[in-house]
PDB file of all heavy atoms in Angstrom:
ATOM      1  N   PHE A   1     -42.372  32.926  -2.522  1.00  0.00           N
ATOM      2  CA  PHE A   1     -43.538  32.101  -3.302  1.00  0.00           C
ATOM      3  C   PHE A   1     -43.058  31.492  -4.498  1.00  0.00           C
ATOM      4  O   PHE A   1     -42.200  31.926  -5.300  1.00  0.00           O
ATOM      5  CB  PHE A   1     -44.465  33.319  -3.569  1.00  0.00           C
ATOM      6  CG  PHE A   1     -45.723  32.899  -4.436  1.00  0.00           C
ATOM      7  CD1 PHE A   1     -46.997  32.835  -3.918  1.00  0.00           C
ATOM      8  CD2 PHE A   1     -45.634  32.711  -5.753  1.00  0.00           C
ATOM      9  CE1 PHE A   1     -48.055  32.429  -4.692  1.00  0.00           C
ATOM     10  CE2 PHE A   1     -46.759  32.448  -6.581  1.00  0.00           C
ATOM     11  CZ  PHE A   1     -47.991  32.290  -5.989  1.00  0.00           C
ATOM     12  N   ARG A   2     -43.484  30.104  -4.497  1.00  0.00           N
ATOM     13  CA  ARG A   2     -43.274  29.549  -5.791  1.00  0.00           C
ATOM     14  C   ARG A   2     -44.720  28.784  -6.149  1.00  0.00           C
ATOM     15  O   ARG A   2     -45.520  28.593  -5.224  1.00  0.00           O
ATOM     16  CB  ARG A   2     -42.275  28.344  -5.843  1.00  0.00           C
ATOM     17  CG  ARG A   2     -40.890  28.985  -5.850  1.00  0.00           C
ATOM     18  CD  ARG A   2     -39.795  27.938  -5.541  1.00  0.00           C
ATOM     19  NE  ARG A   2     -39.720  27.014  -6.649  1.00  0.00           N
ATOM     20  CZ  ARG A   2     -38.928  25.875  -6.650  1.00  0.00           C
ATOM     21  NH1 ARG A   2     -38.328  25.626  -5.592  1.00  0.00           N
ATOM     22  NH2 ARG A   2     -38.910  25.087  -7.680  1.00  0.00           N
ATOM     23  N   VAL A   3     -45.019  28.711  -7.432  1.00  0.00           N
ATOM     24  CA  VAL A   3     -46.329  28.229  -7.833  1.00  0.00           C
ATOM     25  C   VAL A   3     -46.317  27.162  -8.947  1.00  0.00           C
ATOM     26  O   VAL A   3     -45.463  27.253  -9.861  1.00  0.00           O
ATOM     27  CB  VAL A   3     -47.194  29.450  -8.320  1.00  0.00           C
ATOM     28  CG1 VAL A   3     -46.571  30.069  -9.448  1.00  0.00           C
ATOM     29  CG2 VAL A   3     -48.621  28.980  -8.600  1.00  0.00           C
ATOM     30  N   TRP A   4     -47.167  26.247  -8.744  1.00  0.00           N
ATOM     31  CA  TRP A   4     -47.394  25.308  -9.855  1.00  0.00           C
ATOM     32  C   TRP A   4     -48.786  25.614 -10.443  1.00  0.00           C
ATOM     33  O   TRP A   4     -49.725  25.347  -9.596  1.00  0.00           O
ATOM     34  CB  TRP A   4     -47.298  23.764  -9.259  1.00  0.00           C
ATOM     35  CG  TRP A   4     -47.626  22.805 -10.350  1.00  0.00           C
ATOM     36  CD1 TRP A   4     -48.826  22.269 -10.691  1.00  0.00           C
ATOM     37  CD2 TRP A   4     -46.627  22.134 -11.212  1.00  0.00           C
ATOM     38  NE1 TRP A   4     -48.676  21.357 -11.667  1.00  0.00           N
ATOM     39  CE2 TRP A   4     -47.366  21.225 -12.075  1.00  0.00           C
ATOM     40  CE3 TRP A   4     -45.244  22.255 -11.408  1.00  0.00           C
ATOM     41  CZ2 TRP A   4     -46.667  20.482 -12.997  1.00  0.00           C
ATOM     42  CZ3 TRP A   4     -44.607  21.469 -12.337  1.00  0.00           C
ATOM     43  CH2 TRP A   4     -45.383  20.624 -13.142  1.00  0.00           C
ATOM     44  N   GLU A   5     -48.861  25.904 -11.631  1.00  0.00           N
ATOM     45  CA  GLU A   5     -50.213  26.312 -12.186  1.00  0.00           C
ATOM     46  C   GLU A   5     -50.835  25.195 -12.983  1.00  0.00           C
ATOM     47  O   GLU A   5     -50.139  24.626 -13.737  1.00  0.00           O
ATOM     48  CB  GLU A   5     -50.041  27.563 -13.057  1.00  0.00           C
ATOM     49  CG  GLU A   5     -49.661  28.876 -12.299  1.00  0.00           C
ATOM     50  CD  GLU A   5     -49.896  30.133 -13.057  1.00  0.00           C
ATOM     51  OE1 GLU A   5     -51.061  30.306 -13.575  1.00  0.00           O
ATOM     52  OE2 GLU A   5     -49.000  30.903 -13.261  1.00  0.00           O
ATOM     53  N   ARG A   6     -52.008  24.970 -12.707  1.00  0.00           N
ATOM     54  CA  ARG A   6     -52.731  23.919 -13.466  1.00  0.00           C
ATOM     55  C   ARG A   6     -52.657  24.201 -14.941  1.00  0.00           C
ATOM     56  O   ARG A   6     -52.866  25.400 -15.419  1.00  0.00           O
ATOM     57  CB  ARG A   6     -54.183  23.675 -12.939  1.00  0.00           C
ATOM     58  CG  ARG A   6     -54.980  24.952 -13.118  1.00  0.00           C
ATOM     59  CD  ARG A   6     -56.445  24.645 -12.714  1.00  0.00           C
ATOM     60  NE  ARG A   6     -57.325  25.869 -12.924  1.00  0.00           N
ATOM     61  CZ  ARG A   6     -58.602  25.893 -12.959  1.00  0.00           C
ATOM     62  NH1 ARG A   6     -59.294  24.886 -12.585  1.00  0.00           N
ATOM     63  NH2 ARG A   6     -59.190  27.087 -13.076  1.00  0.00           N
ATOM     64  N   GLY A   7     -52.403  23.199 -15.661  1.00  0.00           N
ATOM     65  CA  GLY A   7     -52.359  23.375 -17.036  1.00  0.00           C
ATOM     66  C   GLY A   7     -51.171  24.123 -17.692  1.00  0.00           C
ATOM     67  O   GLY A   7     -50.993  24.281 -18.848  1.00  0.00           O
ATOM     68  N   VAL A   8     -50.272  24.576 -16.891  1.00  0.00           N
ATOM     69  CA  VAL A   8     -48.995  25.238 -17.217  1.00  0.00           C
ATOM     70  C   VAL A   8     -47.814  24.543 -16.659  1.00  0.00           C
ATOM     71  O   VAL A   8     -46.776  24.330 -17.389  1.00  0.00           O
ATOM     72  CB  VAL A   8     -49.031  26.658 -16.891  1.00  0.00           C
ATOM     73  CG1 VAL A   8     -47.828  27.465 -17.373  1.00  0.00           C
ATOM     74  CG2 VAL A   8     -50.262  27.318 -17.452  1.00  0.00           C
ATOM     75  N   GLY A   9     -47.638  24.402 -15.332  1.00  0.00           N
ATOM     76  CA  GLY A   9     -46.493  23.890 -14.709  1.00  0.00           C
ATOM     77  C   GLY A   9     -45.988  25.015 -13.720  1.00  0.00           C
ATOM     78  O   GLY A   9     -46.754  26.033 -13.471  1.00  0.00           O
ATOM     79  N   GLU A  10     -44.701  24.988 -13.427  1.00  0.00           N
ATOM     80  CA  GLU A  10     -44.171  26.132 -12.612  1.00  0.00           C
ATOM     81  C   GLU A  10     -44.007  27.381 -13.396  1.00  0.00           C
ATOM     82  O   GLU A  10     -43.501  27.285 -14.568  1.00  0.00           O
ATOM     83  CB  GLU A  10     -42.808  25.716 -11.985  1.00  0.00           C
ATOM     84  CG  GLU A  10     -42.433  26.829 -11.107  1.00  0.00           C
ATOM     85  CD  GLU A  10     -41.219  26.401 -10.158  1.00  0.00           C
ATOM     86  OE1 GLU A  10     -40.462  25.370 -10.453  1.00  0.00           O
ATOM     87  OE2 GLU A  10     -40.816  27.059  -9.245  1.00  0.00           O
ATOM     88  N   THR A  11     -44.507  28.500 -13.012  1.00  0.00           N
ATOM     89  CA  THR A  11     -44.283  29.754 -13.553  1.00  0.00           C
ATOM     90  C   THR A  11     -43.559  30.687 -12.625  1.00  0.00           C
ATOM     91  O   THR A  11     -43.351  30.514 -11.513  1.00  0.00           O
ATOM     92  CB  THR A  11     -45.657  30.312 -14.099  1.00  0.00           C
ATOM     93  OG1 THR A  11     -46.495  30.649 -12.859  1.00  0.00           O
ATOM     94  CG2 THR A  11     -46.410  29.412 -14.944  1.00  0.00           C
ATOM     95  N   MET A  12     -43.161  31.899 -13.303  1.00  0.00           N
ATOM     96  CA  MET A  12     -42.466  32.914 -12.623  1.00  0.00           C
ATOM     97  C   MET A  12     -43.239  33.651 -11.589  1.00  0.00           C
ATOM     98  O   MET A  12     -42.808  34.171 -10.571  1.00  0.00           O
ATOM     99  CB  MET A  12     -41.839  33.867 -13.533  1.00  0.00           C
ATOM    100  CG  MET A  12     -40.893  33.277 -14.444  1.00  0.00           C
ATOM    101  SD  MET A  12     -39.219  32.938 -13.727  1.00  0.00           S
ATOM    102  CE  MET A  12     -38.572  34.560 -13.498  1.00  0.00           C
ATOM    103  N   ALA A  13     -44.598  33.709 -11.795  1.00  0.00           N
ATOM    104  CA  ALA A  13     -45.645  34.337 -10.960  1.00  0.00           C
ATOM    105  C   ALA A  13     -46.987  33.907 -11.202  1.00  0.00           C
ATOM    106  O   ALA A  13     -47.271  33.338 -12.236  1.00  0.00           O
ATOM    107  CB  ALA A  13     -45.436  35.898 -11.316  1.00  0.00           C
ATOM    108  N   CYS A  14     -47.845  34.368 -10.222  1.00  0.00           N
ATOM    109  CA  CYS A  14     -49.263  33.969 -10.377  1.00  0.00           C
ATOM    110  C   CYS A  14     -50.044  35.041  -9.512  1.00  0.00           C
ATOM    111  O   CYS A  14     -49.875  34.988  -8.312  1.00  0.00           O
ATOM    112  CB  CYS A  14     -49.679  32.543  -9.966  1.00  0.00           C
ATOM    113  SG  CYS A  14     -51.323  32.153  -9.987  1.00  0.00           S
ATOM    114  N   GLY A  15     -50.762  35.915 -10.136  1.00  0.00           N
ATOM    115  CA  GLY A  15     -51.447  36.931  -9.371  1.00  0.00           C
ATOM    116  C   GLY A  15     -52.573  36.420  -8.397  1.00  0.00           C
ATOM    117  O   GLY A  15     -52.667  36.760  -7.262  1.00  0.00           O
ATOM    118  N   THR A  16     -53.429  35.640  -8.970  1.00  0.00           N
ATOM    119  CA  THR A  16     -54.542  35.058  -8.176  1.00  0.00           C
ATOM    120  C   THR A  16     -53.931  34.050  -7.041  1.00  0.00           C
ATOM    121  O   THR A  16     -54.331  33.993  -5.998  1.00  0.00           O
ATOM    122  CB  THR A  16     -55.460  34.126  -8.947  1.00  0.00           C
ATOM    123  OG1 THR A  16     -54.740  33.040  -9.742  1.00  0.00           O
ATOM    124  CG2 THR A  16     -56.159  35.128  -9.905  1.00  0.00           C
ATOM    125  N   GLY A  17     -52.751  33.323  -7.426  1.00  0.00           N
ATOM    126  CA  GLY A  17     -52.042  32.660  -6.424  1.00  0.00           C
ATOM    127  C   GLY A  17     -51.525  33.451  -5.297  1.00  0.00           C
ATOM    128  O   GLY A  17     -51.601  32.970  -4.058  1.00  0.00           O
ATOM    129  N   ALA A  18     -50.876  34.475  -5.612  1.00  0.00           N
ATOM    130  CA  ALA A  18     -50.369  35.546  -4.547  1.00  0.00           C
ATOM    131  C   ALA A  18     -51.494  35.965  -3.718  1.00  0.00           C
ATOM    132  O   ALA A  18     -51.236  36.024  -2.474  1.00  0.00           O
ATOM    133  CB  ALA A  18     -49.650  36.575  -5.173  1.00  0.00           C
ATOM    134  N   SER A  19     -52.608  36.273  -4.302  1.00  0.00           N
ATOM    135  CA  SER A  19     -53.700  36.687  -3.485  1.00  0.00           C
ATOM    136  C   SER A  19     -54.274  35.599  -2.644  1.00  0.00           C
ATOM    137  O   SER A  19     -54.450  35.783  -1.336  1.00  0.00           O
ATOM    138  CB  SER A  19     -54.910  37.096  -4.443  1.00  0.00           C
ATOM    139  OG  SER A  19     -54.504  38.158  -5.415  1.00  0.00           O
ATOM    140  N   ALA A  20     -54.291  34.288  -3.151  1.00  0.00           N
ATOM    141  CA  ALA A  20     -54.690  33.203  -2.257  1.00  0.00           C
ATOM    142  C   ALA A  20     -53.771  32.969  -1.134  1.00  0.00           C
ATOM    143  O   ALA A  20     -54.128  32.607  -0.038  1.00  0.00           O
ATOM    144  CB  ALA A  20     -54.955  32.070  -3.199  1.00  0.00           C
ATOM    145  N   ALA A  21     -52.456  33.165  -1.440  1.00  0.00           N
ATOM    146  CA  ALA A  21     -51.416  32.874  -0.397  1.00  0.00           C
ATOM    147  C   ALA A  21     -51.628  33.801   0.730  1.00  0.00           C
ATOM    148  O   ALA A  21     -51.495  33.382   1.992  1.00  0.00           O
ATOM    149  CB  ALA A  21     -49.960  32.972  -1.038  1.00  0.00           C
ATOM    150  N   VAL A  22     -51.826  35.132   0.493  1.00  0.00           N
ATOM    151  CA  VAL A  22     -52.012  36.086   1.620  1.00  0.00           C
ATOM    152  C   VAL A  22     -53.274  35.694   2.403  1.00  0.00           C
ATOM    153  O   VAL A  22     -53.321  35.736   3.666  1.00  0.00           O
ATOM    154  CB  VAL A  22     -51.991  37.443   1.128  1.00  0.00           C
ATOM    155  CG1 VAL A  22     -52.412  38.489   2.269  1.00  0.00           C
ATOM    156  CG2 VAL A  22     -50.571  37.809   0.434  1.00  0.00           C
ATOM    157  N   VAL A  23     -54.427  35.377   1.706  1.00  0.00           N
ATOM    158  CA  VAL A  23     -55.587  35.047   2.320  1.00  0.00           C
ATOM    159  C   VAL A  23     -55.276  33.826   3.323  1.00  0.00           C
ATOM    160  O   VAL A  23     -55.706  33.802   4.391  1.00  0.00           O
ATOM    161  CB  VAL A  23     -56.708  34.691   1.304  1.00  0.00           C
ATOM    162  CG1 VAL A  23     -57.804  34.085   1.967  1.00  0.00           C
ATOM    163  CG2 VAL A  23     -57.121  35.957   0.624  1.00  0.00           C
ATOM    164  N   ALA A  24     -54.558  32.776   2.667  1.00  0.00           N
ATOM    165  CA  ALA A  24     -54.429  31.574   3.523  1.00  0.00           C
ATOM    166  C   ALA A  24     -53.439  32.010   4.731  1.00  0.00           C
ATOM    167  O   ALA A  24     -53.755  31.477   5.777  1.00  0.00           O
ATOM    168  CB  ALA A  24     -53.539  30.554   2.655  1.00  0.00           C
ATOM    169  N   GLY A  25     -52.473  32.815   4.653  1.00  0.00           N
ATOM    170  CA  GLY A  25     -51.673  33.303   5.630  1.00  0.00           C
ATOM    171  C   GLY A  25     -52.481  34.053   6.727  1.00  0.00           C
ATOM    172  O   GLY A  25     -52.244  33.726   7.999  1.00  0.00           O
ATOM    173  N   VAL A  26     -53.377  34.881   6.448  1.00  0.00           N
ATOM    174  CA  VAL A  26     -54.283  35.429   7.289  1.00  0.00           C
ATOM    175  C   VAL A  26     -55.172  34.457   8.064  1.00  0.00           C
ATOM    176  O   VAL A  26     -55.340  34.502   9.314  1.00  0.00           O
ATOM    177  CB  VAL A  26     -55.192  36.536   6.697  1.00  0.00           C
ATOM    178  CG1 VAL A  26     -56.140  37.075   7.641  1.00  0.00           C
ATOM    179  CG2 VAL A  26     -54.238  37.660   6.122  1.00  0.00           C
ATOM    180  N   LEU A  27     -55.761  33.448   7.238  1.00  0.00           N
ATOM    181  CA  LEU A  27     -56.659  32.529   7.905  1.00  0.00           C
ATOM    182  C   LEU A  27     -55.918  31.679   8.903  1.00  0.00           C
ATOM    183  O   LEU A  27     -56.428  31.130   9.926  1.00  0.00           O
ATOM    184  CB  LEU A  27     -57.269  31.704   6.929  1.00  0.00           C
ATOM    185  CG  LEU A  27     -58.224  32.194   5.863  1.00  0.00           C
ATOM    186  CD1 LEU A  27     -58.646  31.288   4.811  1.00  0.00           C
ATOM    187  CD2 LEU A  27     -59.324  32.672   6.606  1.00  0.00           C
ATOM    188  N   ASN A  28     -54.621  31.401   8.647  1.00  0.00           N
ATOM    189  CA  ASN A  28     -53.801  30.697   9.586  1.00  0.00           C
ATOM    190  C   ASN A  28     -53.088  31.535  10.699  1.00  0.00           C
ATOM    191  O   ASN A  28     -52.323  31.008  11.497  1.00  0.00           O
ATOM    192  CB  ASN A  28     -52.717  29.854   8.835  1.00  0.00           C
ATOM    193  CG  ASN A  28     -53.153  28.630   8.167  1.00  0.00           C
ATOM    194  OD1 ASN A  28     -53.409  27.639   8.814  1.00  0.00           O
ATOM    195  ND2 ASN A  28     -53.482  28.809   6.889  1.00  0.00           N
ATOM    196  N   LYS A  29     -53.495  32.824  10.745  1.00  0.00           N
ATOM    197  CA  LYS A  29     -52.922  33.804  11.704  1.00  0.00           C
ATOM    198  C   LYS A  29     -51.479  33.938  11.756  1.00  0.00           C
ATOM    199  O   LYS A  29     -50.866  34.136  12.839  1.00  0.00           O
ATOM    200  CB  LYS A  29     -53.482  33.354  13.056  1.00  0.00           C
ATOM    201  CG  LYS A  29     -55.007  33.319  13.176  1.00  0.00           C
ATOM    202  CD  LYS A  29     -55.535  32.856  14.685  1.00  0.00           C
ATOM    203  CE  LYS A  29     -56.983  33.048  14.830  1.00  0.00           C
ATOM    204  NZ  LYS A  29     -57.976  32.982  13.746  1.00  0.00           N
ATOM    205  N   ASN A  30     -50.872  33.902  10.670  1.00  0.00           N
ATOM    206  CA  ASN A  30     -49.449  34.091  10.557  1.00  0.00           C
ATOM    207  C   ASN A  30     -48.985  35.079   9.562  1.00  0.00           C
ATOM    208  O   ASN A  30     -47.717  35.254   9.412  1.00  0.00           O
ATOM    209  CB  ASN A  30     -48.705  32.681  10.395  1.00  0.00           C
ATOM    210  CG  ASN A  30     -49.152  31.962   9.126  1.00  0.00           C
ATOM    211  OD1 ASN A  30     -49.657  32.629   8.264  1.00  0.00           O
ATOM    212  ND2 ASN A  30     -48.965  30.696   9.234  1.00  0.00           N
ATOM    213  N   LEU A  31     -49.922  35.912   8.991  1.00  0.00           N
ATOM    214  CA  LEU A  31     -49.579  36.977   7.994  1.00  0.00           C
ATOM    215  C   LEU A  31     -50.449  38.014   8.151  1.00  0.00           C
ATOM    216  O   LEU A  31     -51.657  38.001   8.359  1.00  0.00           O
ATOM    217  CB  LEU A  31     -49.574  36.303   6.570  1.00  0.00           C
ATOM    218  CG  LEU A  31     -48.897  36.973   5.456  1.00  0.00           C
ATOM    219  CD1 LEU A  31     -47.446  37.119   5.721  1.00  0.00           C
ATOM    220  CD2 LEU A  31     -49.167  36.294   4.104  1.00  0.00           C
ATOM    221  N   SER A  32     -50.020  39.235   7.894  1.00  0.00           N
ATOM    222  CA  SER A  32     -50.715  40.371   7.816  1.00  0.00           C
ATOM    223  C   SER A  32     -51.616  40.536   6.630  1.00  0.00           C
ATOM    224  O   SER A  32     -51.266  39.955   5.493  1.00  0.00           O
ATOM    225  CB  SER A  32     -49.766  41.688   7.765  1.00  0.00           C
ATOM    226  OG  SER A  32     -50.525  42.984   7.538  1.00  0.00           O
ATOM    227  N   PRO A  33     -52.836  41.109   6.596  1.00  0.00           N
ATOM    228  CA  PRO A  33     -53.777  41.245   5.460  1.00  0.00           C
ATOM    229  C   PRO A  33     -53.148  42.241   4.473  1.00  0.00           C
ATOM    230  O   PRO A  33     -53.721  42.340   3.319  1.00  0.00           O
ATOM    231  CB  PRO A  33     -55.004  41.728   5.950  1.00  0.00           C
ATOM    232  CG  PRO A  33     -54.659  42.184   7.272  1.00  0.00           C
ATOM    233  CD  PRO A  33     -53.533  41.615   7.880  1.00  0.00           C
ATOM    234  N   ASP A  34     -52.068  43.009   4.757  1.00  0.00           N
ATOM    235  CA  ASP A  34     -51.327  43.805   3.863  1.00  0.00           C
ATOM    236  C   ASP A  34     -49.864  43.352   3.770  1.00  0.00           C
ATOM    237  O   ASP A  34     -49.041  43.687   4.660  1.00  0.00           O
ATOM    238  CB  ASP A  34     -51.491  45.265   4.206  1.00  0.00           C
ATOM    239  CG  ASP A  34     -50.975  46.263   3.227  1.00  0.00           C
ATOM    240  OD1 ASP A  34     -50.278  45.785   2.241  1.00  0.00           O
ATOM    241  OD2 ASP A  34     -50.998  47.472   3.304  1.00  0.00           O
ATOM    242  N   SER A  35     -49.549  42.597   2.693  1.00  0.00           N
ATOM    243  CA  SER A  35     -48.194  41.853   2.682  1.00  0.00           C
ATOM    244  C   SER A  35     -47.586  42.055   1.309  1.00  0.00           C
ATOM    245  O   SER A  35     -48.346  42.203   0.263  1.00  0.00           O
ATOM    246  CB  SER A  35     -48.371  40.429   3.146  1.00  0.00           C
ATOM    247  OG  SER A  35     -48.684  40.323   4.456  1.00  0.00           O
ATOM    248  N   ILE A  36     -46.298  41.816   1.236  1.00  0.00           N
ATOM    249  CA  ILE A  36     -45.620  41.747   0.041  1.00  0.00           C
ATOM    250  C   ILE A  36     -45.312  40.321  -0.298  1.00  0.00           C
ATOM    251  O   ILE A  36     -44.778  39.447   0.462  1.00  0.00           O
ATOM    252  CB  ILE A  36     -44.398  42.576   0.197  1.00  0.00           C
ATOM    253  CG1 ILE A  36     -44.571  43.969   0.370  1.00  0.00           C
ATOM    254  CG2 ILE A  36     -43.416  42.416  -1.211  1.00  0.00           C
ATOM    255  CD1 ILE A  36     -45.333  44.667  -0.727  1.00  0.00           C
ATOM    256  N   VAL A  37     -45.492  39.850  -1.475  1.00  0.00           N
ATOM    257  CA  VAL A  37     -45.181  38.559  -1.998  1.00  0.00           C
ATOM    258  C   VAL A  37     -44.113  38.601  -2.988  1.00  0.00           C
ATOM    259  O   VAL A  37     -44.113  39.210  -3.873  1.00  0.00           O
ATOM    260  CB  VAL A  37     -46.479  37.980  -2.580  1.00  0.00           C
ATOM    261  CG1 VAL A  37     -46.131  36.479  -3.103  1.00  0.00           C
ATOM    262  CG2 VAL A  37     -47.706  37.967  -1.777  1.00  0.00           C
TER     263      VAL A  37
END
C-alpha cells in the first residue's frame, strides 16, 4: 500500500485509506475481508 493524502501528500501510512483499500478489494472480489495491509 502507498497513499497520497489530500492536503498532505504521500505519507507513511493512512488508517482510513487502509480500511478503504480492503473494502475496495472485497468489492472487486480479489481480497479477503480479513486482510493485512
